[in-house]
Amino acid sequence: MRTQSTIQILRCLTLGRYTARVVDGELRIRGPQPLAGPLPASIRVRRDELIDFLSECCGGVWPPAPDSDAYNVLRERRKSQRKLPWRPAA
C-alpha cells in the first residue's frame, strides 16, 4: 500500500471538513472533531511536503487563501466544469 499524495491528503481534509494551517513552521489541523491520537501515517510521512505546499501555494492555509496560486487554480477549474461540453436538446 502506497502513502497518499499531498493532494489526496488535502482532499481528505476537505471531505472531513478539516482545515490545515502552518503556524511557526508547524502543521496545525482543526475540524469538527479533534484528531484522536497521533497523526495518520500518511500525514506524518508527508508533513514537510504539506507544510511546503501550504506555505508556497496556498497562503499557509487549507482551504487555500483567496489570494493564493492554489485558490486561483481551483477557481478556474470550477469555472471550466460549469460549462456544458454539449448542447441540451431544444
Protein backbone atom coordinates (compact mmCIF):
# COMPACT_ATOMS: atom_id res chain seq x y z
CA MET A 1 0.00 0.00 0.00
CA ARG A 2 1.39 3.43 -1.00
CA THR A 3 1.14 6.54 1.12
CA GLN A 4 -1.29 9.21 -0.03
CA SER A 5 -0.04 12.13 -2.08
CA THR A 6 -0.16 15.66 -0.72
CA ILE A 7 -3.22 16.46 -2.84
CA GLN A 8 -5.02 13.30 -1.71
CA ILE A 9 -4.41 14.22 1.92
CA LEU A 10 -5.78 17.73 1.36
CA ARG A 11 -8.87 16.31 -0.37
CA CYS A 12 -9.47 14.04 2.62
CA LEU A 13 -9.18 17.02 4.96
CA THR A 14 -11.75 18.88 2.85
CA LEU A 15 -14.16 15.94 2.84
CA GLY A 16 -13.88 15.67 6.62
CA ARG A 17 -14.42 19.44 6.98
CA TYR A 18 -10.94 19.88 8.45
CA THR A 19 -8.69 22.86 7.90
CA ALA A 20 -4.92 22.99 7.94
CA ARG A 21 -2.65 25.89 8.81
CA VAL A 22 1.07 26.42 9.05
CA VAL A 23 1.90 28.16 12.33
CA ASP A 24 5.54 28.87 13.16
CA GLY A 25 6.63 26.16 10.72
CA GLU A 26 4.33 23.54 12.27
CA LEU A 27 1.28 21.90 10.72
CA ARG A 28 -1.97 22.51 12.64
CA ILE A 29 -5.14 20.64 11.71
CA ARG A 30 -8.58 21.53 13.05
CA GLY A 31 -12.01 20.18 12.33
CA PRO A 32 -15.42 19.24 13.63
CA GLN A 33 -13.78 16.68 15.92
CA PRO A 34 -10.29 16.74 17.38
CA LEU A 35 -7.94 14.21 15.85
CA ALA A 36 -7.55 11.46 18.42
CA GLY A 37 -4.06 10.16 18.94
CA PRO A 38 -1.12 10.68 16.62
CA LEU A 39 -1.48 11.95 13.06
CA PRO A 40 -2.26 9.28 10.47
CA ALA A 41 0.87 7.76 8.90
CA SER A 42 0.22 9.36 5.50
CA ILE A 43 0.24 12.84 7.05
CA ARG A 44 3.32 12.13 9.19
CA VAL A 45 5.24 10.89 6.14
CA ARG A 46 4.26 13.91 4.03
CA ARG A 47 4.30 16.56 6.78
CA ASP A 48 7.21 18.53 5.29
CA GLU A 49 5.66 18.39 1.81
CA LEU A 50 2.32 19.56 3.20
CA ILE A 51 3.96 22.46 5.03
CA ASP A 52 5.90 23.46 1.90
CA PHE A 53 2.83 23.21 -0.36
CA LEU A 54 0.61 25.18 2.02
CA SER A 55 3.28 27.84 2.52
CA GLU A 56 4.24 28.25 -1.13
CA CYS A 57 0.93 27.76 -2.97
CA CYS A 58 -1.96 28.20 -0.54
CA GLY A 59 -1.13 31.20 1.60
CA GLY A 60 -0.28 28.91 4.52
CA VAL A 61 -3.81 27.54 4.92
CA TRP A 62 -6.16 24.88 3.56
CA PRO A 63 -8.63 25.55 2.04
CA PRO A 64 -6.39 27.93 0.08
CA ALA A 65 -6.37 31.65 0.86
CA PRO A 66 -8.23 33.77 -1.75
CA ASP A 67 -5.06 35.47 -2.99
CA SER A 68 -3.04 32.24 -3.39
CA ASP A 69 -2.00 30.35 -6.52
CA ALA A 70 -3.90 27.22 -5.49
CA TYR A 71 -7.10 29.22 -4.95
CA ASN A 72 -6.84 30.69 -8.45
CA VAL A 73 -6.25 27.25 -9.99
CA LEU A 74 -9.26 25.79 -8.16
CA ARG A 75 -11.43 28.76 -9.17
CA GLU A 76 -10.51 28.34 -12.85
CA ARG A 77 -11.16 24.60 -12.67
CA ARG A 78 -14.63 25.20 -11.22
CA LYS A 79 -15.40 27.72 -13.96
CA SER A 80 -14.43 25.26 -16.70
CA GLN A 81 -16.52 22.50 -15.12
CA ARG A 82 -19.65 24.68 -15.20
CA LYS A 83 -19.51 24.92 -19.00
CA LEU A 84 -21.50 22.18 -20.66
CA PRO A 85 -19.49 20.20 -23.19
CA TRP A 86 -22.70 19.61 -25.20
CA ARG A 87 -25.84 21.49 -26.07
CA PRO A 88 -29.07 20.37 -24.43
CA ALA A 89 -31.87 19.39 -26.78
CA ALA A 90 -34.13 22.33 -27.58
